């Protein structure tokens, strides 16, 4: 099964990832991964760090002549900003003369992390808890994404709302999604449309409002969050399992999304809206088309009982506003125990578009493992002999 580990600090020398369990014989390139890293860095409202970094992955092992060997892949992304932080973040030495961070930022894990590990300097928490870590997670997840695409399964996303700028005509967007996702690669088509927008929105009117929200927050020294939607097309029926709690695919996908920095809520399909409706208006009825059983709707979001049901997987996640504010909230200096203003550390005003791209990446290993559980093998040749893509 596929698993991955990441290491590295926000302003350290590099971010490192190790991906294990990718079958042998899968073609992959650094250029393919770099495109996803580039997508993660885009978006209206990103901060100055994105102007410094130009994330490129180095594949150090597990690949020969462009194909996986079945052994672990080692990935590396160098931090260009390391040159400005080498004195503060050197792995060795005593750190003499370096001023410790003792003022926690509300909404961050600065305080609770320092208490947990008994740090005098919250820099030790900040560096690893930073969302910079998601760069290497995107790189690792993209390898699993390539595995899925090679089997006709595509992941895409778009932003539904930023601040108060939210899609009003949801039916219009749903019609667009249905039209664009008829083919297995439909999620990819939705992504192409979203990527053309500075805020990854499908509705250009809402896009303008969202950008105005970000400009207003920038002017006021504030930040804004939002909601995004992830779509998966081409999945067969029967991935996941209902027999144990930890094998339910919906639970695994929700955990992956909740692991992303600043994500505080997840729903599958029309989860929250369905909670206020009678069952007769919620459940997806069956029908017959061309002698095949079909669903007349997809309010369940492609998952029932922890198993894929053949419909498009629809996941939504809510990202809170970023915690670092240019106009800081009240805090306490833990060294003096006096109330002070919170620290300001270089940050984004809005990272919802980037978060949607990260979400695509983090769910890929979850889906790839569910696929391997059902159709697995040690090589791509073996897996293809066991799985015939629908329509192939």
Protein backbone atom coordinates (compact mmCIF):
# COMPACT_ATOMS: atom_id res chain seq x y z
CA UNK A 1 0.00 0.00 0.00
CA UNK A 2 1.08 3.58 -0.60
CA UNK A 3 2.31 5.66 2.31
CA UNK A 4 4.45 8.76 2.52
CA UNK A 5 6.45 10.72 5.05
CA UNK A 6 7.61 14.33 4.90
CA UNK A 7 10.37 16.20 6.68
CA UNK A 8 11.72 19.72 6.69
CA UNK A 9 11.09 23.16 8.13
CA UNK A 10 9.57 26.21 6.50
CA UNK A 11 12.87 28.09 6.39
CA UNK A 12 15.18 25.09 6.55
CA UNK A 13 17.41 23.94 3.72
CA UNK A 14 14.79 21.78 2.00
CA UNK A 15 11.58 19.79 2.22
CA UNK A 16 11.93 16.03 1.86
CA UNK A 17 9.40 13.32 1.05
CA UNK A 18 9.56 9.55 0.82
CA UNK A 19 6.79 7.72 -1.04
CA UNK A 20 6.53 3.97 -0.62
CA UNK A 21 4.27 1.44 -2.33
CA UNK A 22 4.02 2.79 -5.88
CA UNK A 23 3.97 -0.23 -8.23
CA UNK A 24 6.85 -0.78 -10.62
CA UNK A 25 6.66 0.45 -14.19
CA UNK A 26 4.66 3.65 -13.71
CA UNK A 27 5.94 6.54 -15.85
CA UNK A 28 6.47 9.79 -13.94
CA UNK A 29 8.63 12.88 -14.40
CA UNK A 30 9.74 15.82 -12.32
CA UNK A 31 8.00 18.09 -14.86
CA UNK A 32 4.67 16.40 -14.12
CA UNK A 33 5.12 17.00 -10.39
CA UNK A 34 6.42 20.54 -10.92
CA UNK A 35 3.22 21.52 -12.71
CA UNK A 36 1.22 20.69 -9.57
CA UNK A 37 3.74 22.56 -7.42
CA UNK A 38 3.29 25.57 -9.68
CA UNK A 39 -0.49 25.35 -9.34
CA UNK A 40 -0.14 25.34 -5.54
CA UNK A 41 1.79 28.62 -5.66
CA UNK A 42 -0.84 30.49 -7.69
CA UNK A 43 -3.87 32.41 -6.50
CA UNK A 44 -4.92 35.97 -5.83
CA UNK A 45 -4.03 36.88 -2.25
CA UNK A 46 -0.83 34.88 -1.89
CA UNK A 47 2.02 36.50 0.04
CA UNK A 48 5.61 37.49 -0.61
CA UNK A 49 6.97 33.97 0.03
CA UNK A 50 5.52 32.83 -3.29
CA UNK A 51 7.63 35.49 -5.03
CA UNK A 52 10.76 34.06 -3.43
CA UNK A 53 10.19 30.35 -3.92
CA UNK A 54 9.97 28.66 -7.30
CA UNK A 55 9.28 25.11 -6.20
CA UNK A 56 10.99 22.40 -8.21
CA UNK A 57 11.21 18.76 -7.18
CA UNK A 58 14.30 16.59 -7.41
CA UNK A 59 13.63 12.84 -7.65
CA UNK A 60 16.56 11.19 -5.88
CA UNK A 61 15.60 7.51 -5.91
CA UNK A 62 12.97 4.98 -6.92
CA UNK A 63 12.98 6.01 -10.59
CA UNK A 64 15.05 4.76 -13.53
CA UNK A 65 14.68 5.94 -17.10
CA UNK A 66 11.39 7.64 -16.22
CA UNK A 67 9.64 4.64 -14.66
CA UNK A 68 9.15 3.63 -11.04
CA UNK A 69 11.14 0.70 -9.70
CA UNK A 70 8.72 -0.39 -6.99
CA UNK A 71 11.17 0.85 -4.37
CA UNK A 72 10.67 4.04 -2.30
CA UNK A 73 10.83 7.34 -4.13
CA UNK A 74 12.81 10.07 -2.41
CA UNK A 75 11.83 13.65 -3.27
CA UNK A 76 13.47 16.95 -2.41
CA UNK A 77 12.33 20.58 -2.77
CA UNK A 78 14.95 23.16 -1.87
CA UNK A 79 13.93 26.29 0.03
CA UNK A 80 15.41 29.30 -1.73
CA UNK A 81 14.68 31.44 1.35
CA UNK A 82 17.16 29.32 3.34
CA UNK A 83 19.95 31.75 2.45
CA UNK A 84 18.13 34.45 4.44
CA UNK A 85 17.54 32.17 7.42
CA UNK A 86 20.67 30.03 7.66
CA UNK A 87 21.84 31.70 10.88
CA UNK A 88 18.44 31.27 12.58
CA UNK A 89 17.78 27.73 11.29
CA UNK A 90 21.20 26.07 11.21
CA UNK A 91 20.90 22.38 12.19
CA UNK A 92 24.02 22.53 14.37
CA UNK A 93 25.57 25.03 16.76
CA UNK A 94 24.13 26.72 19.84
CA UNK A 95 22.04 29.51 18.34
CA UNK A 96 23.71 32.20 20.41
CA UNK A 97 22.37 35.69 19.81
CA UNK A 98 19.16 34.47 18.17
CA UNK A 99 16.14 36.15 19.74
CA UNK A 100 13.50 33.57 20.74
CA UNK A 101 9.87 33.87 19.68
CA UNK A 102 7.79 34.20 22.85
CA UNK A 103 4.58 35.84 21.62
CA UNK A 104 2.02 33.34 20.25
CA UNK A 105 -0.33 34.20 17.41
CA UNK A 106 -4.05 33.54 18.05
CA UNK A 107 -5.29 30.79 15.76
CA UNK A 108 -1.85 29.22 15.26
CA UNK A 109 -0.40 26.26 17.10
CA UNK A 110 2.47 28.39 18.41
CA UNK A 111 1.24 28.33 22.00
CA UNK A 112 -0.10 24.78 22.32
CA UNK A 113 2.92 23.37 20.47
CA UNK A 114 5.35 25.18 22.76
CA UNK A 115 3.50 23.94 25.83
CA UNK A 116 3.37 20.38 24.48
CA UNK A 117 7.11 20.16 23.73
CA UNK A 118 8.23 22.59 26.48
CA UNK A 119 9.97 24.93 24.07
CA UNK A 120 11.31 28.35 25.17
CA UNK A 121 11.34 29.44 21.53
CA UNK A 122 8.16 29.03 19.50
CA UNK A 123 10.23 29.17 16.31
CA UNK A 124 10.65 25.40 16.89
CA UNK A 125 6.88 25.01 16.45
CA UNK A 126 6.33 27.59 13.73
CA UNK A 127 8.79 26.07 11.30
CA UNK A 128 7.24 22.61 11.12
CA UNK A 129 3.63 23.66 11.67
CA UNK A 130 3.88 26.06 8.72
CA UNK A 131 1.78 25.41 5.63
CA UNK A 132 5.05 25.44 3.70
CA UNK A 133 5.03 21.68 4.44
CA UNK A 134 2.19 21.25 1.97
CA UNK A 135 4.60 21.81 -0.93
CA UNK A 136 6.22 18.43 -0.36
CA UNK A 137 2.84 16.86 0.36
CA UNK A 138 1.67 18.01 -3.06
CA UNK A 139 4.77 16.43 -4.60
CA UNK A 140 4.16 13.12 -2.81
CA UNK A 141 0.44 13.10 -3.56
CA UNK A 142 1.06 13.88 -7.21
CA UNK A 143 2.83 10.54 -7.64
CA UNK A 144 -0.33 8.76 -6.44
CA UNK A 145 -2.36 11.08 -8.66
CA UNK A 146 -0.38 9.88 -11.69
CA UNK A 147 -1.13 6.28 -10.73
CA UNK A 148 -4.86 7.07 -10.68
CA UNK A 149 -4.78 8.93 -13.99
CA UNK A 150 -3.07 5.96 -15.62
CA UNK A 151 -6.19 4.00 -14.67
CA UNK A 152 -8.67 6.60 -15.92
CA UNK A 153 -9.37 8.26 -12.56
CA UNK A 154 -9.08 12.06 -12.43
CA UNK A 155 -9.14 14.55 -9.56
CA UNK A 156 -10.08 18.20 -9.89
CA UNK A 157 -11.30 21.10 -7.77
CA UNK A 158 -12.69 24.60 -7.78
CA UNK A 159 -13.41 27.28 -5.18
CA UNK A 160 -17.03 27.83 -4.15
CA UNK A 161 -16.63 30.86 -1.95
CA UNK A 162 -14.14 33.32 -0.45
CA UNK A 163 -15.27 35.43 2.46
CA UNK A 164 -18.78 36.64 1.75
CA UNK A 165 -18.39 36.06 -2.00
CA UNK A 166 -20.16 32.73 -2.40
CA UNK A 167 -21.87 31.07 -5.32
CA UNK A 168 -25.51 32.11 -5.25
CA UNK A 169 -26.77 30.01 -8.17
CA UNK A 170 -25.45 26.62 -7.11
CA UNK A 171 -27.68 24.91 -9.69
CA UNK A 172 -25.80 26.74 -12.45
CA UNK A 173 -22.48 25.37 -11.24
CA UNK A 174 -23.95 21.88 -10.85
CA UNK A 175 -25.16 21.99 -14.44
CA UNK A 176 -21.67 23.00 -15.59
CA UNK A 177 -20.11 20.18 -13.59
CA UNK A 178 -22.51 17.58 -14.97
CA UNK A 179 -21.88 18.81 -18.51
CA UNK A 180 -18.11 18.78 -18.10
CA UNK A 181 -17.81 15.55 -16.13
CA UNK A 182 -19.65 13.13 -18.41
CA UNK A 183 -16.33 11.57 -19.43
CA UNK A 184 -13.98 9.89 -16.97
CA UNK A 185 -11.56 12.82 -17.25
CA UNK A 186 -14.30 15.32 -16.41
CA UNK A 187 -12.70 16.42 -13.15
CA UNK A 188 -9.62 17.44 -15.12
CA UNK A 189 -11.77 19.59 -17.42
CA UNK A 190 -13.30 21.38 -14.44
CA UNK A 191 -9.80 22.03 -13.12
CA UNK A 192 -8.72 23.58 -16.43
CA UNK A 193 -11.58 26.08 -16.18
CA UNK A 194 -10.86 26.83 -12.52
CA UNK A 195 -7.14 27.31 -13.13
CA UNK A 196 -7.92 30.10 -15.59
CA UNK A 197 -9.39 32.11 -12.69
CA UNK A 198 -7.13 34.02 -10.23
CA UNK A 199 -9.25 32.58 -7.40
CA UNK A 200 -10.07 29.23 -9.09
CA UNK A 201 -13.79 30.00 -9.43
CA UNK A 202 -16.10 28.81 -12.18
CA UNK A 203 -18.46 31.79 -11.91
CA UNK A 204 -16.78 34.98 -13.16
CA UNK A 205 -19.20 37.30 -11.35
CA UNK A 206 -18.46 35.70 -7.99
CA UNK A 207 -14.76 35.74 -8.91
CA UNK A 208 -14.81 39.55 -9.11
CA UNK A 209 -16.54 39.80 -5.74
CA UNK A 210 -14.04 37.38 -4.18
CA UNK A 211 -11.08 39.41 -5.43
CA UNK A 212 -12.70 42.54 -3.99
CA UNK A 213 -13.00 40.72 -0.64
CA UNK A 214 -9.29 39.93 -0.72
CA UNK A 215 -8.34 43.50 -1.61
CA UNK A 216 -10.48 44.82 1.24
CA UNK A 217 -8.90 42.39 3.70
CA UNK A 218 -5.41 43.39 2.52
CA UNK A 219 -6.20 47.06 3.05
CA UNK A 220 -7.59 46.38 6.52
CA UNK A 221 -4.71 44.14 7.59
CA UNK A 222 -7.07 41.16 7.78
CA UNK A 223 -7.41 37.74 6.12
CA UNK A 224 -10.22 35.74 4.51
CA UNK A 225 -11.08 32.05 4.27
CA UNK A 226 -13.52 30.15 2.11
CA UNK A 227 -14.91 26.88 0.82
CA UNK A 228 -13.70 24.69 -2.03
CA UNK A 229 -14.96 21.56 -3.75
CA UNK A 230 -12.97 18.53 -4.91
CA UNK A 231 -14.32 16.24 -7.63
CA UNK A 232 -13.20 12.74 -8.60
CA UNK A 233 -14.36 11.10 -11.83
CA UNK A 234 -13.74 7.67 -13.33
CA UNK A 235 -13.91 5.68 -10.11
CA UNK A 236 -15.42 2.19 -10.29
CA UNK A 237 -18.10 0.97 -7.88
CA UNK A 238 -16.81 -0.83 -4.81
CA UNK A 239 -13.71 1.00 -3.55
CA UNK A 240 -13.58 1.20 0.23
CA UNK A 241 -15.41 -1.00 2.69
CA UNK A 242 -18.26 -0.88 5.18
CA UNK A 243 -17.12 -3.77 7.42
CA UNK A 244 -14.86 -1.75 9.79
CA UNK A 245 -14.79 1.92 10.76
CA UNK A 246 -11.21 2.47 9.64
CA UNK A 247 -11.81 0.98 6.18
CA UNK A 248 -14.62 3.37 5.26
CA UNK A 249 -13.40 5.46 2.34
CA UNK A 250 -15.46 8.51 3.28
CA UNK A 251 -13.79 8.61 6.70
CA UNK A 252 -10.34 8.29 5.17
CA UNK A 253 -11.00 11.08 2.68
CA UNK A 254 -12.37 13.37 5.37
CA UNK A 255 -9.28 12.75 7.51
CA UNK A 256 -6.98 13.59 4.60
CA UNK A 257 -8.77 16.89 3.99
CA UNK A 258 -8.87 17.78 7.69
CA UNK A 259 -5.10 17.24 7.87
CA UNK A 260 -4.53 20.30 5.66
CA UNK A 261 -3.54 23.46 7.52
CA UNK A 262 -6.52 25.72 8.38
CA UNK A 263 -9.21 23.30 7.15
CA UNK A 264 -11.88 23.19 9.86
CA UNK A 265 -14.83 21.50 8.16
CA UNK A 266 -15.54 18.78 5.59
CA UNK A 267 -18.70 17.49 3.94
CA UNK A 268 -19.38 14.81 1.36
CA UNK A 269 -22.02 15.54 -1.25
CA UNK A 270 -24.81 17.69 0.17
CA UNK A 271 -23.94 16.60 3.72
CA UNK A 272 -24.90 19.68 5.74
CA UNK A 273 -27.84 20.69 3.54
CA UNK A 274 -29.22 17.13 3.64
CA UNK A 275 -29.28 17.20 7.45
CA UNK A 276 -32.19 19.64 7.35
CA UNK A 277 -34.29 17.82 4.75
CA UNK A 278 -36.60 14.78 4.88
CA UNK A 279 -35.18 11.52 3.53
CA UNK A 280 -37.49 11.65 0.52
CA UNK A 281 -35.58 14.72 -0.68
CA UNK A 282 -32.12 13.41 0.16
CA UNK A 283 -31.51 9.88 -1.07
CA UNK A 284 -30.42 9.19 -4.65
CA UNK A 285 -33.11 7.17 -6.40
CA UNK A 286 -32.31 4.48 -8.98
CA UNK A 287 -33.27 4.41 -12.62
CA UNK A 288 -32.45 2.50 -15.82
CA UNK A 289 -30.77 3.98 -18.86
CA UNK A 290 -29.59 1.92 -21.86
CA UNK A 291 -30.18 -1.23 -19.79
CA UNK A 292 -27.85 0.05 -17.07
CA UNK A 293 -28.71 1.04 -13.52
CA UNK A 294 -28.17 4.77 -12.97
CA UNK A 295 -28.69 7.29 -10.19
CA UNK A 296 -31.19 10.07 -10.71
CA UNK A 297 -29.14 12.41 -8.48
CA UNK A 298 -25.87 12.48 -6.55
CA UNK A 299 -26.61 14.10 -3.21
CA UNK A 300 -24.56 11.40 -1.48
CA UNK A 301 -21.46 12.67 -3.27
CA UNK A 302 -20.47 9.32 -4.76
CA UNK A 303 -20.08 7.45 -1.46
CA UNK A 304 -22.53 5.27 0.46
CA UNK A 305 -21.59 3.25 3.52
CA UNK A 306 -17.93 4.06 2.99
CA UNK A 307 -17.91 2.63 -0.55
CA UNK A 308 -17.81 4.31 -3.96
CA UNK A 309 -21.16 3.94 -5.76
CA UNK A 310 -20.04 4.83 -9.28
CA UNK A 311 -21.07 8.48 -9.17
CA UNK A 312 -18.73 11.47 -9.10
CA UNK A 313 -17.12 11.90 -5.68
CA UNK A 314 -17.89 15.38 -4.37
CA UNK A 315 -16.00 16.64 -1.33
CA UNK A 316 -16.19 20.11 0.17
CA UNK A 317 -13.94 21.67 2.76
CA UNK A 318 -13.99 24.94 4.69
CA UNK A 319 -10.72 26.79 5.24
CA UNK A 320 -10.63 29.32 8.07
CA UNK A 321 -9.00 32.72 7.51
CA UNK A 322 -5.22 32.59 7.89
CA UNK A 323 -4.21 33.34 11.48
CA UNK A 324 -1.34 35.79 10.90
CA UNK A 325 -2.82 39.29 10.68
CA UNK A 326 -1.05 42.46 9.58
CA UNK A 327 -3.28 44.20 12.13
CA UNK A 328 -2.60 41.80 14.99
CA UNK A 329 -4.92 40.62 17.76
CA UNK A 330 -4.10 40.69 21.46
CA UNK A 331 -1.61 38.16 22.78
CA UNK A 332 0.70 37.60 25.76
CA UNK A 333 4.48 37.60 25.88
CA UNK A 334 5.25 34.32 27.64
CA UNK A 335 8.61 35.69 28.80
CA UNK A 336 7.17 38.71 30.66
CA UNK A 337 3.55 37.52 31.06
CA UNK A 338 2.37 40.94 29.86
CA UNK A 339 -0.36 41.51 27.30
CA UNK A 340 1.00 42.67 23.96
CA UNK A 341 -0.01 42.66 20.33
CA UNK A 342 0.52 39.43 18.45
CA UNK A 343 3.53 39.03 16.19
CA UNK A 344 3.30 39.47 12.43
CA UNK A 345 5.10 36.92 10.32
CA UNK A 346 5.07 37.12 6.53
CA UNK A 347 1.89 35.44 5.34
CA UNK A 348 -0.87 35.22 2.75
CA UNK A 349 -4.11 37.19 2.89
CA UNK A 350 -6.04 34.36 1.23
CA UNK A 351 -4.84 30.85 0.37
CA UNK A 352 -8.15 29.16 -0.45
CA UNK A 353 -7.26 28.62 -4.15
CA UNK A 354 -3.96 27.02 -3.14
CA UNK A 355 -5.71 24.92 -0.50
CA UNK A 356 -8.00 23.42 -3.15
CA UNK A 357 -4.94 22.28 -5.13
CA UNK A 358 -3.40 20.79 -1.98
CA UNK A 359 -6.66 18.95 -1.35
CA UNK A 360 -6.45 17.29 -4.76
CA UNK A 361 -3.03 15.96 -3.81
CA UNK A 362 -3.76 14.70 -0.30
CA UNK A 363 -6.76 12.61 -1.31
CA UNK A 364 -4.85 10.92 -4.15
CA UNK A 365 -2.96 8.41 -1.93
CA UNK A 366 -6.21 7.56 -0.14
CA UNK A 367 -7.96 6.75 -3.41
CA UNK A 368 -4.93 4.96 -4.83
CA UNK A 369 -4.80 2.70 -1.77
CA UNK A 370 -8.49 1.89 -2.07
CA UNK A 371 -7.88 1.01 -5.72
CA UNK A 372 -4.83 -1.14 -4.89
CA UNK A 373 -6.76 -2.93 -2.16
CA UNK A 374 -9.23 -4.13 -4.77
CA UNK A 375 -7.11 -4.50 -7.91
CA UNK A 376 -3.55 -4.46 -6.53
CA UNK A 377 -0.31 -5.91 -7.76
CA UNK A 378 3.40 -5.24 -7.71
CA UNK A 379 3.64 -3.77 -11.21
CA UNK A 380 1.53 -1.69 -13.56
CA UNK A 381 1.35 -4.64 -15.96
CA UNK A 382 -0.09 -6.88 -13.27
CA UNK A 383 -2.65 -4.29 -12.18
CA UNK A 384 -3.79 -3.62 -15.75
CA UNK A 385 -4.38 -7.33 -16.23
CA UNK A 386 -6.79 -7.20 -13.28
CA UNK A 387 -8.56 -3.95 -14.01
CA UNK A 388 -10.28 -2.95 -17.19
CA UNK A 389 -11.22 0.70 -17.32
CA UNK A 390 -14.91 1.38 -17.99
CA UNK A 391 -15.27 2.20 -21.68
CA UNK A 392 -11.74 1.03 -22.45
